[in-house]
């Protein structure tokens, strides 16, 4: 298996686990994982869509904006989730955005070689270089990022009294 195939497989696994949890929470999109709040499913979904698009287009490709820039104000990494569902796009709209970001990522991966993964990420700020300095590091984060939010989604399901989907 080459590095590109490994990245694709990791993306598929991470997205698959996370999407299963997200879809299960569609009926309770702003239920929070703890009594003190936390990242609810609607925020996680929008955050994952925006983050993937931004990482690909801005950091990896060096563009000023990404196709999902309209989501930045609500879902960038420093934003705080709100329990007010009315401020967010619909679950289905965000799922479509997430799918479109994924399609862009896969198309880009299909257009490069393993050697290209060592190239600098032209849009990476200096302070983020340790995590996102190369295209390969950016794709590593795209691959694992959904998994980072699985625990929050699993905790939300438990807070709602739902049994685990994955043992």
C-alpha atoms as a PDB file:
ATOM      1  CA  UNK A   1       0.000   0.000   0.000  1.00  0.00           C
ATOM      2  CA  UNK A   2       1.360   3.403  -0.916  1.00  0.00           C
ATOM      3  CA  UNK A   3       0.961   6.550   1.203  1.00  0.00           C
ATOM      4  CA  UNK A   4      -1.925   7.983  -0.857  1.00  0.00           C
ATOM      5  CA  UNK A   5      -3.869   4.722  -0.523  1.00  0.00           C
ATOM      6  CA  UNK A   6      -3.132   4.668   3.215  1.00  0.00           C
ATOM      7  CA  UNK A   7      -4.465   8.216   3.578  1.00  0.00           C
ATOM      8  CA  UNK A   8      -7.596   7.319   1.594  1.00  0.00           C
ATOM      9  CA  UNK A   9      -8.208   4.230   3.740  1.00  0.00           C
ATOM     10  CA  UNK A  10      -7.741   6.211   6.934  1.00  0.00           C
ATOM     11  CA  UNK A  11     -10.113   8.917   5.706  1.00  0.00           C
ATOM     12  CA  UNK A  12     -12.714   6.278   4.853  1.00  0.00           C
ATOM     13  CA  UNK A  13     -12.440   4.622   8.272  1.00  0.00           C
ATOM     14  CA  UNK A  14     -12.503   7.853  10.254  1.00  0.00           C
ATOM     15  CA  UNK A  15     -15.360   9.352   8.227  1.00  0.00           C
ATOM     16  CA  UNK A  16     -17.325   6.118   8.369  1.00  0.00           C
ATOM     17  CA  UNK A  17     -17.233   5.878  12.159  1.00  0.00           C
ATOM     18  CA  UNK A  18     -18.030   9.547  12.630  1.00  0.00           C
ATOM     19  CA  UNK A  19     -20.759   9.745  10.001  1.00  0.00           C
ATOM     20  CA  UNK A  20     -22.545   6.766  11.580  1.00  0.00           C
ATOM     21  CA  UNK A  21     -22.714   8.664  14.873  1.00  0.00           C
ATOM     22  CA  UNK A  22     -23.710  11.935  13.189  1.00  0.00           C
ATOM     23  CA  UNK A  23     -26.563  10.345  11.246  1.00  0.00           C
ATOM     24  CA  UNK A  24     -27.854   8.722  14.414  1.00  0.00           C
ATOM     25  CA  UNK A  25     -27.947  12.161  16.077  1.00  0.00           C
ATOM     26  CA  UNK A  26     -29.812  13.871  13.229  1.00  0.00           C
ATOM     27  CA  UNK A  27     -33.025  13.736  15.303  1.00  0.00           C
ATOM     28  CA  UNK A  28     -31.297  15.555  18.208  1.00  0.00           C
ATOM     29  CA  UNK A  29     -28.735  17.730  16.383  1.00  0.00           C
ATOM     30  CA  UNK A  30     -28.014  20.182  19.213  1.00  0.00           C
ATOM     31  CA  UNK A  31     -28.094  17.749  22.138  1.00  0.00           C
ATOM     32  CA  UNK A  32     -24.897  18.297  24.088  1.00  0.00           C
ATOM     33  CA  UNK A  33     -22.487  15.665  25.372  1.00  0.00           C
ATOM     34  CA  UNK A  34     -22.304  17.012  28.943  1.00  0.00           C
ATOM     35  CA  UNK A  35     -24.411  19.024  31.386  1.00  0.00           C
ATOM     36  CA  UNK A  36     -21.900  21.828  30.854  1.00  0.00           C
ATOM     37  CA  UNK A  37     -22.389  21.857  27.066  1.00  0.00           C
ATOM     38  CA  UNK A  38     -19.939  20.729  24.453  1.00  0.00           C
ATOM     39  CA  UNK A  39     -19.719  20.090  20.748  1.00  0.00           C
ATOM     40  CA  UNK A  40     -23.100  18.897  19.520  1.00  0.00           C
ATOM     41  CA  UNK A  41     -23.635  16.953  16.294  1.00  0.00           C
ATOM     42  CA  UNK A  42     -24.692  19.951  14.198  1.00  0.00           C
ATOM     43  CA  UNK A  43     -21.576  21.877  15.189  1.00  0.00           C
ATOM     44  CA  UNK A  44     -19.308  18.852  14.684  1.00  0.00           C
ATOM     45  CA  UNK A  45     -20.748  18.260  11.209  1.00  0.00           C
ATOM     46  CA  UNK A  46     -20.327  21.875  10.118  1.00  0.00           C
ATOM     47  CA  UNK A  47     -16.889  22.050  11.710  1.00  0.00           C
ATOM     48  CA  UNK A  48     -15.683  18.925   9.911  1.00  0.00           C
ATOM     49  CA  UNK A  49     -17.034  20.170   6.562  1.00  0.00           C
ATOM     50  CA  UNK A  50     -15.499  23.624   6.907  1.00  0.00           C
ATOM     51  CA  UNK A  51     -12.201  22.314   8.287  1.00  0.00           C
ATOM     52  CA  UNK A  52     -11.681  19.800   5.493  1.00  0.00           C
ATOM     53  CA  UNK A  53     -12.482  22.349   2.810  1.00  0.00           C
ATOM     54  CA  UNK A  54     -10.270  24.977   4.428  1.00  0.00           C
ATOM     55  CA  UNK A  55      -7.333  22.617   4.920  1.00  0.00           C
ATOM     56  CA  UNK A  56      -7.496  21.468   1.301  1.00  0.00           C
ATOM     57  CA  UNK A  57      -8.093  24.755  -0.455  1.00  0.00           C
ATOM     58  CA  UNK A  58      -6.307  27.223   1.833  1.00  0.00           C
ATOM     59  CA  UNK A  59      -3.401  25.320   3.374  1.00  0.00           C
ATOM     60  CA  UNK A  60      -2.680  22.598   0.804  1.00  0.00           C
ATOM     61  CA  UNK A  61      -3.562  24.546  -2.355  1.00  0.00           C
ATOM     62  CA  UNK A  62      -2.655  28.001  -1.017  1.00  0.00           C
ATOM     63  CA  UNK A  63      -5.909  29.714  -1.974  1.00  0.00           C
ATOM     64  CA  UNK A  64      -7.260  32.702  -0.039  1.00  0.00           C
ATOM     65  CA  UNK A  65     -10.687  31.130   0.528  1.00  0.00           C
ATOM     66  CA  UNK A  66     -12.415  27.774   0.308  1.00  0.00           C
ATOM     67  CA  UNK A  67     -15.791  26.809  -1.199  1.00  0.00           C
ATOM     68  CA  UNK A  68     -17.252  26.537   2.308  1.00  0.00           C
ATOM     69  CA  UNK A  69     -16.056  29.908   3.597  1.00  0.00           C
ATOM     70  CA  UNK A  70     -19.682  30.800   4.329  1.00  0.00           C
ATOM     71  CA  UNK A  71     -19.422  28.333   7.253  1.00  0.00           C
ATOM     72  CA  UNK A  72     -16.342  29.887   8.835  1.00  0.00           C
ATOM     73  CA  UNK A  73     -18.114  32.195  11.309  1.00  0.00           C
ATOM     74  CA  UNK A  74     -20.076  29.308  12.843  1.00  0.00           C
ATOM     75  CA  UNK A  75     -17.646  26.396  12.546  1.00  0.00           C
ATOM     76  CA  UNK A  76     -14.019  27.528  12.580  1.00  0.00           C
ATOM     77  CA  UNK A  77     -11.805  25.951  15.227  1.00  0.00           C
ATOM     78  CA  UNK A  78     -12.238  28.791  17.741  1.00  0.00           C
ATOM     79  CA  UNK A  79     -16.024  28.975  17.555  1.00  0.00           C
ATOM     80  CA  UNK A  80     -18.320  27.949  20.394  1.00  0.00           C
ATOM     81  CA  UNK A  81     -21.333  25.728  19.693  1.00  0.00           C
ATOM     82  CA  UNK A  82     -24.733  27.232  20.430  1.00  0.00           C
ATOM     83  CA  UNK A  83     -27.770  25.251  21.568  1.00  0.00           C
ATOM     84  CA  UNK A  84     -29.879  27.460  19.275  1.00  0.00           C
ATOM     85  CA  UNK A  85     -30.400  25.296  16.189  1.00  0.00           C
ATOM     86  CA  UNK A  86     -31.940  28.218  14.288  1.00  0.00           C
ATOM     87  CA  UNK A  87     -28.557  29.883  13.788  1.00  0.00           C
ATOM     88  CA  UNK A  88     -27.199  26.898  11.861  1.00  0.00           C
ATOM     89  CA  UNK A  89     -27.764  25.571   8.362  1.00  0.00           C
ATOM     90  CA  UNK A  90     -29.831  22.383   8.277  1.00  0.00           C
ATOM     91  CA  UNK A  91     -28.296  19.011   9.065  1.00  0.00           C
ATOM     92  CA  UNK A  92     -28.889  17.879   5.462  1.00  0.00           C
ATOM     93  CA  UNK A  93     -27.253  21.006   4.064  1.00  0.00           C
ATOM     94  CA  UNK A  94     -24.193  20.511   6.261  1.00  0.00           C
ATOM     95  CA  UNK A  95     -24.024  16.831   5.323  1.00  0.00           C
ATOM     96  CA  UNK A  96     -24.041  17.851   1.639  1.00  0.00           C
ATOM     97  CA  UNK A  97     -21.236  20.340   2.377  1.00  0.00           C
ATOM     98  CA  UNK A  98     -19.264  17.604   4.138  1.00  0.00           C
ATOM     99  CA  UNK A  99     -19.724  15.289   1.157  1.00  0.00           C
ATOM    100  CA  UNK A 100     -18.604  18.019  -1.255  1.00  0.00           C
ATOM    101  CA  UNK A 101     -15.493  18.727   0.834  1.00  0.00           C
ATOM    102  CA  UNK A 102     -14.760  14.999   0.807  1.00  0.00           C
ATOM    103  CA  UNK A 103     -15.165  14.763  -2.972  1.00  0.00           C
ATOM    104  CA  UNK A 104     -12.736  17.673  -3.416  1.00  0.00           C
ATOM    105  CA  UNK A 105     -10.234  15.980  -1.097  1.00  0.00           C
ATOM    106  CA  UNK A 106     -10.435  12.656  -2.907  1.00  0.00           C
ATOM    107  CA  UNK A 107     -10.121  14.316  -6.326  1.00  0.00           C
ATOM    108  CA  UNK A 108      -7.017  16.164  -5.163  1.00  0.00           C
ATOM    109  CA  UNK A 109      -5.514  12.977  -3.722  1.00  0.00           C
ATOM    110  CA  UNK A 110      -6.136  11.302  -7.087  1.00  0.00           C
ATOM    111  CA  UNK A 111      -4.158  14.074  -8.791  1.00  0.00           C
ATOM    112  CA  UNK A 112      -0.931  13.810  -6.764  1.00  0.00           C
ATOM    113  CA  UNK A 113       1.809  11.280  -6.059  1.00  0.00           C
ATOM    114  CA  UNK A 114       3.301  10.046  -2.816  1.00  0.00           C
ATOM    115  CA  UNK A 115       6.305  12.329  -3.419  1.00  0.00           C
ATOM    116  CA  UNK A 116       3.979  15.365  -3.491  1.00  0.00           C
ATOM    117  CA  UNK A 117       3.024  14.704   0.133  1.00  0.00           C
ATOM    118  CA  UNK A 118       6.455  16.035   1.166  1.00  0.00           C
ATOM    119  CA  UNK A 119       5.799  19.397  -0.521  1.00  0.00           C
ATOM    120  CA  UNK A 120       5.284  22.406   1.708  1.00  0.00           C
ATOM    121  CA  UNK A 121       1.681  23.411   2.310  1.00  0.00           C
ATOM    122  CA  UNK A 122       1.836  26.875   0.732  1.00  0.00           C
ATOM    123  CA  UNK A 123      -0.979  28.353   2.805  1.00  0.00           C
ATOM    124  CA  UNK A 124       0.264  27.115   6.179  1.00  0.00           C
ATOM    125  CA  UNK A 125       0.944  29.857   8.727  1.00  0.00           C
ATOM    126  CA  UNK A 126       4.360  29.665  10.393  1.00  0.00           C
ATOM    127  CA  UNK A 127       2.882  28.893  13.815  1.00  0.00           C
ATOM    128  CA  UNK A 128       1.057  25.818  12.468  1.00  0.00           C
ATOM    129  CA  UNK A 129       3.966  24.290  10.523  1.00  0.00           C
ATOM    130  CA  UNK A 130       4.598  21.523  13.070  1.00  0.00           C
ATOM    131  CA  UNK A 131       1.073  20.182  12.428  1.00  0.00           C
ATOM    132  CA  UNK A 132       0.311  21.348   8.865  1.00  0.00           C
ATOM    133  CA  UNK A 133       3.649  22.301   7.273  1.00  0.00           C
ATOM    134  CA  UNK A 134       3.496  19.767   4.452  1.00  0.00           C
ATOM    135  CA  UNK A 135       0.717  18.455   2.274  1.00  0.00           C
ATOM    136  CA  UNK A 136       1.186  15.065   3.909  1.00  0.00           C
ATOM    137  CA  UNK A 137       0.721  16.510   7.388  1.00  0.00           C
ATOM    138  CA  UNK A 138      -2.437  18.302   6.251  1.00  0.00           C
ATOM    139  CA  UNK A 139      -3.854  15.079   4.818  1.00  0.00           C
ATOM    140  CA  UNK A 140      -2.931  13.234   8.008  1.00  0.00           C
ATOM    141  CA  UNK A 141      -5.071  15.705   9.941  1.00  0.00           C
ATOM    142  CA  UNK A 142      -7.919  15.485   7.418  1.00  0.00           C
ATOM    143  CA  UNK A 143      -7.810  11.716   7.905  1.00  0.00           C
ATOM    144  CA  UNK A 144      -7.839  11.680  11.712  1.00  0.00           C
ATOM    145  CA  UNK A 145      -9.871  14.814  12.471  1.00  0.00           C
ATOM    146  CA  UNK A 146     -13.312  13.131  12.312  1.00  0.00           C
ATOM    147  CA  UNK A 147     -12.095  10.517  14.806  1.00  0.00           C
ATOM    148  CA  UNK A 148     -11.157  13.275  17.233  1.00  0.00           C
ATOM    149  CA  UNK A 149     -14.847  14.175  17.469  1.00  0.00           C
ATOM    150  CA  UNK A 150     -16.192  10.603  17.770  1.00  0.00           C
ATOM    151  CA  UNK A 151     -15.953  10.652  21.555  1.00  0.00           C
ATOM    152  CA  UNK A 152     -18.020  13.822  21.763  1.00  0.00           C
ATOM    153  CA  UNK A 153     -20.695  12.288  19.566  1.00  0.00           C
ATOM    154  CA  UNK A 154     -20.645   9.016  21.496  1.00  0.00           C
ATOM    155  CA  UNK A 155     -21.002  10.961  24.754  1.00  0.00           C
ATOM    156  CA  UNK A 156     -23.943  12.880  23.290  1.00  0.00           C
ATOM    157  CA  UNK A 157     -25.645   9.610  22.410  1.00  0.00           C
ATOM    158  CA  UNK A 158     -25.074   8.323  25.944  1.00  0.00           C
ATOM    159  CA  UNK A 159     -26.441  11.568  27.416  1.00  0.00           C
ATOM    160  CA  UNK A 160     -29.581  10.889  25.362  1.00  0.00           C
ATOM    161  CA  UNK A 161     -29.806   7.366  26.796  1.00  0.00           C
ATOM    162  CA  UNK A 162     -28.847   5.611  23.586  1.00  0.00           C
ATOM    163  CA  UNK A 163     -26.861   2.389  23.561  1.00  0.00           C
ATOM    164  CA  UNK A 164     -23.417   2.430  21.937  1.00  0.00           C
ATOM    165  CA  UNK A 165     -23.365   1.874  18.184  1.00  0.00           C
ATOM    166  CA  UNK A 166     -19.848   0.453  18.293  1.00  0.00           C
ATOM    167  CA  UNK A 167     -18.608  -1.734  21.113  1.00  0.00           C
END
